[in-house]
């Protein structure tokens, strides 16, 4: 489901115009983004919790050259689904989309 489909679904469920649903969805996304930007945790009952986690500096490898590089400290967004969402997904009988498999690599010369 993309943003347009989400807006259509919200409009139908809430029985409001698409323009009102669009403003609501955009406001929700903007509010969550802003809260995460300043380091707040966002918990939505029945859905889950978004939070920002710190990542330590670490060593990595440049895949092109094989050279060891230092990866700096960073931050990442984490999402932990709620128990009720996990239970809903676990018990769901809806078909799951097939995983996307990359095309095979050509043989090495």
PDB file of N, CA and C in Angstrom:
ATOM      1  N   UNK A   1       0.851  -1.168   0.000  1.00  0.00           N
ATOM      2  CA  UNK A   1       0.000   0.000   0.000  1.00  0.00           C
ATOM      3  C   UNK A   1       0.904   1.241   0.000  1.00  0.00           C
ATOM      4  N   UNK A   2       0.637   2.155  -0.901  1.00  0.00           N
ATOM      5  CA  UNK A   2       1.407   3.395  -0.934  1.00  0.00           C
ATOM      6  C   UNK A   2       0.603   4.520  -0.262  1.00  0.00           C
ATOM      7  N   UNK A   3       1.160   5.722  -0.268  1.00  0.00           N
ATOM      8  CA  UNK A   3       0.533   6.844   0.434  1.00  0.00           C
ATOM      9  C   UNK A   3      -0.846   7.193  -0.133  1.00  0.00           C
ATOM     10  N   UNK A   4      -0.985   7.172  -1.451  1.00  0.00           N
ATOM     11  CA  UNK A   4      -2.262   7.501  -2.082  1.00  0.00           C
ATOM     12  C   UNK A   4      -3.325   6.473  -1.678  1.00  0.00           C
ATOM     13  N   UNK A   5      -2.946   5.207  -1.700  1.00  0.00           N
ATOM     14  CA  UNK A   5      -3.883   4.152  -1.303  1.00  0.00           C
ATOM     15  C   UNK A   5      -4.250   4.279   0.177  1.00  0.00           C
ATOM     16  N   UNK A   6      -3.274   4.634   1.006  1.00  0.00           N
ATOM     17  CA  UNK A   6      -3.537   4.832   2.429  1.00  0.00           C
ATOM     18  C   UNK A   6      -4.535   5.965   2.633  1.00  0.00           C
ATOM     19  N   UNK A   7      -4.345   7.064   1.925  1.00  0.00           N
ATOM     20  CA  UNK A   7      -5.261   8.214   2.035  1.00  0.00           C
ATOM     21  C   UNK A   7      -6.673   7.799   1.616  1.00  0.00           C
ATOM     22  N   UNK A   8      -6.788   7.054   0.522  1.00  0.00           N
ATOM     23  CA  UNK A   8      -8.104   6.592   0.073  1.00  0.00           C
ATOM     24  C   UNK A   8      -8.759   5.707   1.132  1.00  0.00           C
ATOM     25  N   UNK A   9      -7.978   4.821   1.732  1.00  0.00           N
ATOM     26  CA  UNK A   9      -8.510   3.911   2.755  1.00  0.00           C
ATOM     27  C   UNK A   9      -8.947   4.673   3.994  1.00  0.00           C
ATOM     28  N   UNK A  10      -8.139   5.666   4.408  1.00  0.00           N
ATOM     29  CA  UNK A  10      -8.487   6.483   5.575  1.00  0.00           C
ATOM     30  C   UNK A  10      -9.771   7.259   5.299  1.00  0.00           C
ATOM     31  N   UNK A  11      -9.882   7.836   4.119  1.00  0.00           N
ATOM     32  CA  UNK A  11     -11.081   8.600   3.755  1.00  0.00           C
ATOM     33  C   UNK A  11     -12.320   7.711   3.833  1.00  0.00           C
ATOM     34  N   UNK A  12     -12.207   6.506   3.340  1.00  0.00           N
ATOM     35  CA  UNK A  12     -13.343   5.582   3.345  1.00  0.00           C
ATOM     36  C   UNK A  12     -13.693   5.160   4.775  1.00  0.00           C
ATOM     37  N   UNK A  13     -12.690   4.769   5.556  1.00  0.00           N
ATOM     38  CA  UNK A  13     -12.911   4.299   6.927  1.00  0.00           C
ATOM     39  C   UNK A  13     -13.467   5.399   7.832  1.00  0.00           C
ATOM     40  N   UNK A  14     -12.917   6.623   7.685  1.00  0.00           N
ATOM     41  CA  UNK A  14     -13.338   7.739   8.539  1.00  0.00           C
ATOM     42  C   UNK A  14     -14.553   8.485   7.972  1.00  0.00           C
ATOM     43  N   UNK A  15     -14.953   8.114   6.768  1.00  0.00           N
ATOM     44  CA  UNK A  15     -16.085   8.764   6.091  1.00  0.00           C
ATOM     45  C   UNK A  15     -15.874  10.279   5.967  1.00  0.00           C
ATOM     46  N   UNK A  16     -14.701  10.629   5.463  1.00  0.00           N
ATOM     47  CA  UNK A  16     -14.364  12.038   5.225  1.00  0.00           C
ATOM     48  C   UNK A  16     -13.907  12.169   3.774  1.00  0.00           C
ATOM     49  N   UNK A  17     -13.782  13.400   3.331  1.00  0.00           N
ATOM     50  CA  UNK A  17     -13.303  13.658   1.971  1.00  0.00           C
ATOM     51  C   UNK A  17     -11.831  13.272   1.881  1.00  0.00           C
ATOM     52  N   UNK A  18     -11.397  12.952   0.667  1.00  0.00           N
ATOM     53  CA  UNK A  18     -10.002  12.580   0.450  1.00  0.00           C
ATOM     54  C   UNK A  18      -9.061  13.717   0.834  1.00  0.00           C
ATOM     55  N   UNK A  19      -9.475  14.955   0.607  1.00  0.00           N
ATOM     56  CA  UNK A  19      -8.621  16.098   0.947  1.00  0.00           C
ATOM     57  C   UNK A  19      -8.396  16.172   2.457  1.00  0.00           C
ATOM     58  N   UNK A  20      -9.447  15.880   3.236  1.00  0.00           N
ATOM     59  CA  UNK A  20      -9.304  15.882   4.693  1.00  0.00           C
ATOM     60  C   UNK A  20      -8.417  14.722   5.145  1.00  0.00           C
ATOM     61  N   UNK A  21      -8.622  13.559   4.544  1.00  0.00           N
ATOM     62  CA  UNK A  21      -7.800  12.396   4.881  1.00  0.00           C
ATOM     63  C   UNK A  21      -6.345  12.654   4.514  1.00  0.00           C
ATOM     64  N   UNK A  22      -6.120  13.303   3.377  1.00  0.00           N
ATOM     65  CA  UNK A  22      -4.761  13.613   2.937  1.00  0.00           C
ATOM     66  C   UNK A  22      -4.058  14.529   3.940  1.00  0.00           C
ATOM     67  N   UNK A  23      -4.774  15.571   4.380  1.00  0.00           N
ATOM     68  CA  UNK A  23      -4.187  16.485   5.374  1.00  0.00           C
ATOM     69  C   UNK A  23      -3.872  15.737   6.677  1.00  0.00           C
ATOM     70  N   UNK A  24      -4.748  14.843   7.072  1.00  0.00           N
ATOM     71  CA  UNK A  24      -4.557  14.084   8.313  1.00  0.00           C
ATOM     72  C   UNK A  24      -3.342  13.160   8.216  1.00  0.00           C
ATOM     73  N   UNK A  25      -3.237  12.429   7.111  1.00  0.00           N
ATOM     74  CA  UNK A  25      -2.110  11.510   6.931  1.00  0.00           C
ATOM     75  C   UNK A  25      -0.805  12.293   6.864  1.00  0.00           C
ATOM     76  N   UNK A  26      -0.795  13.392   6.109  1.00  0.00           N
ATOM     77  CA  UNK A  26       0.419  14.211   6.007  1.00  0.00           C
ATOM     78  C   UNK A  26       0.804  14.787   7.366  1.00  0.00           C
ATOM     79  N   UNK A  27      -0.179  15.226   8.155  1.00  0.00           N
ATOM     80  CA  UNK A  27       0.096  15.770   9.485  1.00  0.00           C
ATOM     81  C   UNK A  27       0.655  14.687  10.404  1.00  0.00           C
ATOM     82  N   UNK A  28       0.121  13.478  10.318  1.00  0.00           N
ATOM     83  CA  UNK A  28       0.612  12.372  11.136  1.00  0.00           C
ATOM     84  C   UNK A  28       2.060  12.050  10.799  1.00  0.00           C
ATOM     85  N   UNK A  29       2.352  11.923   9.513  1.00  0.00           N
ATOM     86  CA  UNK A  29       3.713  11.608   9.072  1.00  0.00           C
ATOM     87  C   UNK A  29       4.676  12.721   9.499  1.00  0.00           C
ATOM     88  N   UNK A  30       4.271  13.971   9.306  1.00  0.00           N
ATOM     89  CA  UNK A  30       5.118  15.110   9.674  1.00  0.00           C
ATOM     90  C   UNK A  30       5.394  15.113  11.185  1.00  0.00           C
ATOM     91  N   UNK A  31       4.370  14.831  11.986  1.00  0.00           N
ATOM     92  CA  UNK A  31       4.517  14.821  13.440  1.00  0.00           C
ATOM     93  C   UNK A  31       5.449  13.704  13.891  1.00  0.00           C
ATOM     94  N   UNK A  32       5.298  12.520  13.309  1.00  0.00           N
ATOM     95  CA  UNK A  32       6.180  11.399  13.664  1.00  0.00           C
ATOM     96  C   UNK A  32       7.615  11.713  13.263  1.00  0.00           C
ATOM     97  N   UNK A  33       7.808  12.241  12.067  1.00  0.00           N
ATOM     98  CA  UNK A  33       9.168  12.579  11.603  1.00  0.00           C
ATOM     99  C   UNK A  33       9.829  13.596  12.523  1.00  0.00           C
ATOM    100  N   UNK A  34       9.074  14.628  12.910  1.00  0.00           N
ATOM    101  CA  UNK A  34       9.625  15.678  13.772  1.00  0.00           C
ATOM    102  C   UNK A  34       9.981  15.111  15.145  1.00  0.00           C
ATOM    103  N   UNK A  35       9.113  14.279  15.695  1.00  0.00           N
ATOM    104  CA  UNK A  35       9.385  13.681  17.002  1.00  0.00           C
ATOM    105  C   UNK A  35      10.652  12.822  16.946  1.00  0.00           C
ATOM    106  N   UNK A  36      10.801  12.043  15.885  1.00  0.00           N
ATOM    107  CA  UNK A  36      11.998  11.206  15.754  1.00  0.00           C
ATOM    108  C   UNK A  36      13.252  12.052  15.538  1.00  0.00           C
ATOM    109  N   UNK A  37      13.102  13.144  14.806  1.00  0.00           N
ATOM    110  CA  UNK A  37      14.252  14.019  14.537  1.00  0.00           C
ATOM    111  C   UNK A  37      14.858  14.562  15.822  1.00  0.00           C
ATOM    112  N   UNK A  38      13.991  14.889  16.792  1.00  0.00           N
ATOM    113  CA  UNK A  38      14.502  15.449  18.053  1.00  0.00           C
ATOM    114  C   UNK A  38      14.789  14.362  19.089  1.00  0.00           C
ATOM    115  N   UNK A  39      14.613  13.085  18.695  1.00  0.00           N
ATOM    116  CA  UNK A  39      14.976  11.984  19.576  1.00  0.00           C
ATOM    117  C   UNK A  39      13.862  11.427  20.431  1.00  0.00           C
ATOM    118  N   UNK A  40      12.622  11.866  20.211  1.00  0.00           N
ATOM    119  CA  UNK A  40      11.500  11.329  20.980  1.00  0.00           C
ATOM    120  C   UNK A  40      11.110   9.943  20.461  1.00  0.00           C
ATOM    121  N   UNK A  41      10.470   9.176  21.331  1.00  0.00           N
ATOM    122  CA  UNK A  41       9.935   7.870  20.976  1.00  0.00           C
ATOM    123  C   UNK A  41       8.455   8.067  20.658  1.00  0.00           C
ATOM    124  N   UNK A  42       7.957   7.405  19.607  1.00  0.00           N
ATOM    125  CA  UNK A  42       6.551   7.517  19.220  1.00  0.00           C
ATOM    126  C   UNK A  42       5.910   6.142  19.353  1.00  0.00           C
ATOM    127  N   UNK A  43       4.950   6.020  20.293  1.00  0.00           N
ATOM    128  CA  UNK A  43       4.241   4.755  20.513  1.00  0.00           C
ATOM    129  C   UNK A  43       2.798   4.899  20.064  1.00  0.00           C
ATOM    130  N   UNK A  44       2.364   4.022  19.190  1.00  0.00           N
ATOM    131  CA  UNK A  44       0.985   4.001  18.713  1.00  0.00           C
ATOM    132  C   UNK A  44       0.377   2.673  19.139  1.00  0.00           C
ATOM    133  N   UNK A  45      -0.553   2.727  20.061  1.00  0.00           N
ATOM    134  CA  UNK A  45      -1.184   1.525  20.587  1.00  0.00           C
ATOM    135  C   UNK A  45      -1.793   0.705  19.462  1.00  0.00           C
ATOM    136  N   UNK A  46      -1.513  -0.576  19.452  1.00  0.00           N
ATOM    137  CA  UNK A  46      -2.036  -1.458  18.425  1.00  0.00           C
ATOM    138  C   UNK A  46      -1.184  -1.512  17.173  1.00  0.00           C
ATOM    139  N   UNK A  47      -0.207  -0.628  17.057  1.00  0.00           N
ATOM    140  CA  UNK A  47       0.675  -0.614  15.895  1.00  0.00           C
ATOM    141  C   UNK A  47       2.111  -0.929  16.306  1.00  0.00           C
ATOM    142  N   UNK A  48       2.701  -0.070  17.141  1.00  0.00           N
ATOM    143  CA  UNK A  48       4.060  -0.308  17.582  1.00  0.00           C
ATOM    144  C   UNK A  48       4.747   0.969  18.002  1.00  0.00           C
ATOM    145  N   UNK A  49       6.073   0.875  18.153  1.00  0.00           N
ATOM    146  CA  UNK A  49       6.874   1.984  18.640  1.00  0.00           C
ATOM    147  C   UNK A  49       7.999   2.301  17.672  1.00  0.00           C
ATOM    148  N   UNK A  50       8.105   3.579  17.324  1.00  0.00           N
ATOM    149  CA  UNK A  50       9.215   4.087  16.517  1.00  0.00           C
ATOM    150  C   UNK A  50      10.177   4.763  17.474  1.00  0.00           C
ATOM    151  N   UNK A  51      11.478   4.527  17.304  1.00  0.00           N
ATOM    152  CA  UNK A  51      12.457   5.279  18.075  1.00  0.00           C
ATOM    153  C   UNK A  51      13.764   5.342  17.313  1.00  0.00           C
ATOM    154  N   UNK A  52      14.605   6.286  17.725  1.00  0.00           N
ATOM    155  CA  UNK A  52      15.902   6.473  17.092  1.00  0.00           C
ATOM    156  C   UNK A  52      16.941   5.780  17.956  1.00  0.00           C
ATOM    157  N   UNK A  53      17.786   4.974  17.324  1.00  0.00           N
ATOM    158  CA  UNK A  53      18.857   4.274  18.031  1.00  0.00           C
ATOM    159  C   UNK A  53      20.198   4.789  17.524  1.00  0.00           C
ATOM    160  N   UNK A  54      21.162   4.827  18.411  1.00  0.00           N
ATOM    161  CA  UNK A  54      22.517   5.235  18.034  1.00  0.00           C
ATOM    162  C   UNK A  54      23.298   4.010  17.576  1.00  0.00           C
ATOM    163  N   UNK A  55      24.145   4.229  16.605  1.00  0.00           N
ATOM    164  CA  UNK A  55      25.025   3.161  16.130  1.00  0.00           C
ATOM    165  C   UNK A  55      26.457   3.551  16.443  1.00  0.00           C
ATOM    166  N   UNK A  56      27.212   2.624  16.952  1.00  0.00           N
ATOM    167  CA  UNK A  56      28.610   2.871  17.286  1.00  0.00           C
ATOM    168  C   UNK A  56      29.434   2.976  16.006  1.00  0.00           C
ATOM    169  N   UNK A  57      30.579   3.647  16.134  1.00  0.00           N
ATOM    170  CA  UNK A  57      31.525   3.667  15.023  1.00  0.00           C
ATOM    171  C   UNK A  57      32.053   2.243  14.871  1.00  0.00           C
ATOM    172  N   UNK A  58      32.299   1.848  13.636  1.00  0.00           N
ATOM    173  CA  UNK A  58      32.776   0.492  13.415  1.00  0.00           C
ATOM    174  C   UNK A  58      33.616   0.431  12.150  1.00  0.00           C
ATOM    175  N   UNK A  59      34.314  -0.683  11.999  1.00  0.00           N
ATOM    176  CA  UNK A  59      35.114  -0.883  10.804  1.00  0.00           C
ATOM    177  C   UNK A  59      34.262  -1.577   9.759  1.00  0.00           C
ATOM    178  N   UNK A  60      34.473  -1.190   8.514  1.00  0.00           N
ATOM    179  CA  UNK A  60      33.762  -1.792   7.398  1.00  0.00           C
ATOM    180  C   UNK A  60      34.743  -2.068   6.275  1.00  0.00           C
ATOM    181  N   UNK A  61      34.212  -2.508   5.152  1.00  0.00           N
ATOM    182  CA  UNK A  61      35.074  -2.819   4.022  1.00  0.00           C
ATOM    183  C   UNK A  61      34.450  -2.258   2.760  1.00  0.00           C
ATOM    184  N   UNK A  62      35.266  -1.562   1.976  1.00  0.00           N
ATOM    185  CA  UNK A  62      34.819  -1.059   0.684  1.00  0.00           C
ATOM    186  C   UNK A  62      34.715  -2.261  -0.250  1.00  0.00           C
ATOM    187  N   UNK A  63      33.491  -2.605  -0.713  1.00  0.00           N
ATOM    188  CA  UNK A  63      33.344  -3.807  -1.532  1.00  0.00           C
ATOM    189  C   UNK A  63      34.058  -3.720  -2.884  1.00  0.00           C
ATOM    190  N   UNK A  64      34.274  -2.510  -3.351  1.00  0.00           N
ATOM    191  CA  UNK A  64      34.923  -2.352  -4.656  1.00  0.00           C
ATOM    192  C   UNK A  64      36.426  -2.589  -4.570  1.00  0.00           C
ATOM    193  N   UNK A  65      37.053  -2.020  -3.527  1.00  0.00           N
ATOM    194  CA  UNK A  65      38.514  -2.104  -3.419  1.00  0.00           C
ATOM    195  C   UNK A  65      38.982  -3.103  -2.369  1.00  0.00           C
ATOM    196  N   UNK A  66      38.100  -3.487  -1.456  1.00  0.00           N
ATOM    197  CA  UNK A  66      38.497  -4.391  -0.380  1.00  0.00           C
ATOM    198  C   UNK A  66      39.185  -3.673   0.762  1.00  0.00           C
ATOM    199  N   UNK A  67      39.336  -2.359   0.639  1.00  0.00           N
ATOM    200  CA  UNK A  67      40.016  -1.556   1.642  1.00  0.00           C
ATOM    201  C   UNK A  67      39.166  -1.457   2.919  1.00  0.00           C
ATOM    202  N   UNK A  68      39.826  -1.559   4.092  1.00  0.00           N
ATOM    203  CA  UNK A  68      39.131  -1.392   5.364  1.00  0.00           C
ATOM    204  C   UNK A  68      38.895   0.095   5.592  1.00  0.00           C
ATOM    205  N   UNK A  69      37.666   0.438   5.975  1.00  0.00           N
ATOM    206  CA  UNK A  69      37.318   1.834   6.221  1.00  0.00           C
ATOM    207  C   UNK A  69      36.675   1.970   7.596  1.00  0.00           C
ATOM    208  N   UNK A  70      36.698   3.168   8.134  1.00  0.00           N
ATOM    209  CA  UNK A  70      36.066   3.460   9.415  1.00  0.00           C
ATOM    210  C   UNK A  70      34.688   4.056   9.144  1.00  0.00           C
ATOM    211  N   UNK A  71      33.645   3.419   9.661  1.00  0.00           N
ATOM    212  CA  UNK A  71      32.276   3.918   9.511  1.00  0.00           C
ATOM    213  C   UNK A  71      31.967   4.749  10.754  1.00  0.00           C
ATOM    214  N   UNK A  72      31.576   6.013  10.575  1.00  0.00           N
ATOM    215  CA  UNK A  72      31.375   6.891  11.734  1.00  0.00           C
ATOM    216  C   UNK A  72      30.121   6.545  12.537  1.00  0.00           C
ATOM    217  N   UNK A  73      30.031   7.154  13.725  1.00  0.00           N
ATOM    218  CA  UNK A  73      28.850   7.026  14.576  1.00  0.00           C
ATOM    219  C   UNK A  73      27.637   7.506  13.781  1.00  0.00           C
ATOM    220  N   UNK A  74      26.508   6.870  13.972  1.00  0.00           N
ATOM    221  CA  UNK A  74      25.308   7.270  13.236  1.00  0.00           C
ATOM    222  C   UNK A  74      24.057   7.019  14.060  1.00  0.00           C
ATOM    223  N   UNK A  75      22.937   7.364  13.458  1.00  0.00           N
ATOM    224  CA  UNK A  75      21.633   7.137  14.085  1.00  0.00           C
ATOM    225  C   UNK A  75      20.749   6.428  13.082  1.00  0.00           C
ATOM    226  N   UNK A  76      19.837   5.584  13.579  1.00  0.00           N
ATOM    227  CA  UNK A  76      18.910   4.889  12.691  1.00  0.00           C
ATOM    228  C   UNK A  76      17.547   4.839  13.345  1.00  0.00           C
ATOM    229  N   UNK A  77      16.512   4.726  12.515  1.00  0.00           N
ATOM    230  CA  UNK A  77      15.148   4.609  13.012  1.00  0.00           C
ATOM    231  C   UNK A  77      14.843   3.131  13.206  1.00  0.00           C
ATOM    232  N   UNK A  78      14.243   2.830  14.336  1.00  0.00           N
ATOM    233  CA  UNK A  78      13.877   1.464  14.670  1.00  0.00           C
ATOM    234  C   UNK A  78      12.366   1.403  14.877  1.00  0.00           C
ATOM    235  N   UNK A  79      11.751   0.294  14.460  1.00  0.00           N
ATOM    236  CA  UNK A  79      10.320   0.090  14.687  1.00  0.00           C
ATOM    237  C   UNK A  79      10.132  -1.254  15.357  1.00  0.00           C
ATOM    238  N   UNK A  80       9.409  -1.257  16.467  1.00  0.00           N
ATOM    239  CA  UNK A  80       9.095  -2.495  17.169  1.00  0.00           C
ATOM    240  C   UNK A  80       7.581  -2.660  17.134  1.00  0.00           C
ATOM    241  N   UNK A  81       7.085  -3.694  16.448  1.00  0.00           N
ATOM    242  CA  UNK A  81       5.639  -3.885  16.368  1.00  0.00           C
ATOM    243  C   UNK A  81       5.046  -4.243  17.726  1.00  0.00           C
ATOM    244  N   UNK A  82       3.795  -3.842  17.944  1.00  0.00           N
ATOM    245  CA  UNK A  82       3.108  -4.163  19.188  1.00  0.00           C
ATOM    246  C   UNK A  82       2.757  -5.650  19.219  1.00  0.00           C
ATOM    247  N   UNK A  83       2.487  -6.141  20.413  1.00  0.00           N
ATOM    248  CA  UNK A  83       2.101  -7.546  20.565  1.00  0.00           C
ATOM    249  C   UNK A  83       0.847  -7.847  19.753  1.00  0.00           C
ATOM    250  N   UNK A  84      -0.135  -6.934  19.796  1.00  0.00           N
ATOM    251  CA  UNK A  84      -1.387  -7.185  19.073  1.00  0.00           C
ATOM    252  C   UNK A  84      -1.161  -7.220  17.557  1.00  0.00           C
ATOM    253  N   UNK A  85      -0.248  -6.408  17.037  1.00  0.00           N
ATOM    254  CA  UNK A  85       0.061  -6.444  15.604  1.00  0.00           C
ATOM    255  C   UNK A  85       0.764  -7.752  15.252  1.00  0.00           C
ATOM    256  N   UNK A  86       1.712  -8.174  16.088  1.00  0.00           N
ATOM    257  CA  UNK A  86       2.397  -9.446  15.852  1.00  0.00           C
ATOM    258  C   UNK A  86       1.392 -10.596  15.831  1.00  0.00           C
ATOM    259  N   UNK A  87       0.474 -10.580  16.790  1.00  0.00           N
ATOM    260  CA  UNK A  87      -0.533 -11.630  16.884  1.00  0.00           C
ATOM    261  C   UNK A  87      -1.438 -11.620  15.654  1.00  0.00           C
ATOM    262  N   UNK A  88      -1.856 -10.435  15.218  1.00  0.00           N
ATOM    263  CA  UNK A  88      -2.704 -10.295  14.042  1.00  0.00           C
ATOM    264  C   UNK A  88      -2.022 -10.877  12.808  1.00  0.00           C
ATOM    265  N   UNK A  89      -0.758 -10.564  12.616  1.00  0.00           N
ATOM    266  CA  UNK A  89      -0.002 -11.041  11.454  1.00  0.00           C
ATOM    267  C   UNK A  89       0.202 -12.547  11.538  1.00  0.00           C
ATOM    268  N   UNK A  90       0.513 -13.018  12.724  1.00  0.00           N
ATOM    269  CA  UNK A  90       0.757 -14.447  12.915  1.00  0.00           C
ATOM    270  C   UNK A  90      -0.492 -15.269  12.609  1.00  0.00           C
ATOM    271  N   UNK A  91      -1.657 -14.753  12.969  1.00  0.00           N
ATOM    272  CA  UNK A  91      -2.903 -15.485  12.782  1.00  0.00           C
ATOM    273  C   UNK A  91      -3.568 -15.227  11.434  1.00  0.00           C
ATOM    274  N   UNK A  92      -3.034 -14.282  10.668  1.00  0.00           N
ATOM    275  CA  UNK A  92      -3.622 -13.910   9.388  1.00  0.00           C
ATOM    276  C   UNK A  92      -3.504 -15.039   8.375  1.00  0.00           C
ATOM    277  N   UNK A  93      -4.558 -15.216   7.583  1.00  0.00           N
ATOM    278  CA  UNK A  93      -4.541 -16.239   6.534  1.00  0.00           C
ATOM    279  C   UNK A  93      -4.376 -15.610   5.158  1.00  0.00           C
ATOM    280  N   UNK A  94      -4.174 -14.291   5.121  1.00  0.00           N
ATOM    281  CA  UNK A  94      -4.000 -13.603   3.835  1.00  0.00           C
ATOM    282  C   UNK A  94      -2.712 -14.071   3.173  1.00  0.00           C
ATOM    283  N   UNK A  95      -2.709 -14.187   1.842  1.00  0.00           N
ATOM    284  CA  UNK A  95      -1.483 -14.617   1.161  1.00  0.00           C
ATOM    285  C   UNK A  95      -0.379 -13.569   1.319  1.00  0.00           C
ATOM    286  N   UNK A  96       0.831 -14.041   1.427  1.00  0.00           N
ATOM    287  CA  UNK A  96       1.999 -13.174   1.563  1.00  0.00           C
ATOM    288  C   UNK A  96       2.601 -12.987   0.184  1.00  0.00           C
ATOM    289  N   UNK A  97       3.026 -11.780  -0.129  1.00  0.00           N
ATOM    290  CA  UNK A  97       3.654 -11.500  -1.422  1.00  0.00           C
ATOM    291  C   UNK A  97       4.930 -12.327  -1.547  1.00  0.00           C
ATOM    292  N   UNK A  98       5.175 -12.819  -2.730  1.00  0.00           N
ATOM    293  CA  UNK A  98       6.378 -13.621  -2.970  1.00  0.00           C
ATOM    294  C   UNK A  98       7.616 -12.748  -2.808  1.00  0.00           C
ATOM    295  N   UNK A  99       8.678 -13.286  -2.217  1.00  0.00           N
ATOM    296  CA  UNK A  99       9.899 -12.492  -2.065  1.00  0.00           C
ATOM    297  C   UNK A  99      10.503 -12.166  -3.423  1.00  0.00           C
ATOM    298  N   UNK A 100      11.127 -11.028  -3.496  1.00  0.00           N
ATOM    299  CA  UNK A 100      11.767 -10.596  -4.741  1.00  0.00           C
ATOM    300  C   UNK A 100      13.164 -11.199  -4.774  1.00  0.00           C
ATOM    301  N   UNK A 101      13.439 -11.975  -5.791  1.00  0.00           N
ATOM    302  CA  UNK A 101      14.768 -12.581  -5.922  1.00  0.00           C
ATOM    303  C   UNK A 101      15.534 -11.847  -6.996  1.00  0.00           C
ATOM    304  N   UNK A 102      16.782 -11.510  -6.702  1.00  0.00           N
ATOM    305  CA  UNK A 102      17.576 -10.807  -7.714  1.00  0.00           C
ATOM    306  C   UNK A 102      17.914 -11.751  -8.870  1.00  0.00           C
ATOM    307  N   UNK A 103      18.154 -11.190 -10.054  1.00  0.00           N
ATOM    308  CA  UNK A 103      18.522 -12.041 -11.194  1.00  0.00           C
ATOM    309  C   UNK A 103      19.873 -12.704 -10.933  1.00  0.00           C
ATOM    310  N   UNK A 104      20.111 -13.872 -11.506  1.00  0.00           N
ATOM    311  CA  UNK A 104      21.395 -14.538 -11.268  1.00  0.00           C
ATOM    312  C   UNK A 104      22.555 -13.747 -11.850  1.00  0.00           C
ATOM    313  N   UNK A 105      23.708 -13.857 -11.210  1.00  0.00           N
ATOM    314  CA  UNK A 105      24.910 -13.176 -11.675  1.00  0.00           C
ATOM    315  C   UNK A 105      25.506 -13.939 -12.862  1.00  0.00           C
ATOM    316  N   UNK A 106      26.114 -13.215 -13.795  1.00  0.00           N
ATOM    317  CA  UNK A 106      26.748 -13.903 -14.925  1.00  0.00           C
ATOM    318  C   UNK A 106      27.964 -14.681 -14.420  1.00  0.00           C
ATOM    319  N   UNK A 107      28.327 -15.755 -15.088  1.00  0.00           N
ATOM    320  CA  UNK A 107      29.490 -16.534 -14.638  1.00  0.00           C
ATOM    321  C   UNK A 107      30.767 -15.701 -14.710  1.00  0.00           C
ATOM    322  N   UNK A 108      31.654 -15.979 -13.749  1.00  0.00           N
ATOM    323  CA  UNK A 108      32.932 -15.249 -13.683  1.00  0.00           C
ATOM    324  C   UNK A 108      33.790 -15.649 -14.880  1.00  0.00           C
ATOM    325  N   UNK A 109      34.516 -14.662 -15.410  1.00  0.00           N
ATOM    326  CA  UNK A 109      35.354 -14.916 -16.583  1.00  0.00           C
ATOM    327  C   UNK A 109      36.671 -15.534 -16.204  1.00  0.00           C
TER     328      UNK A 109
END
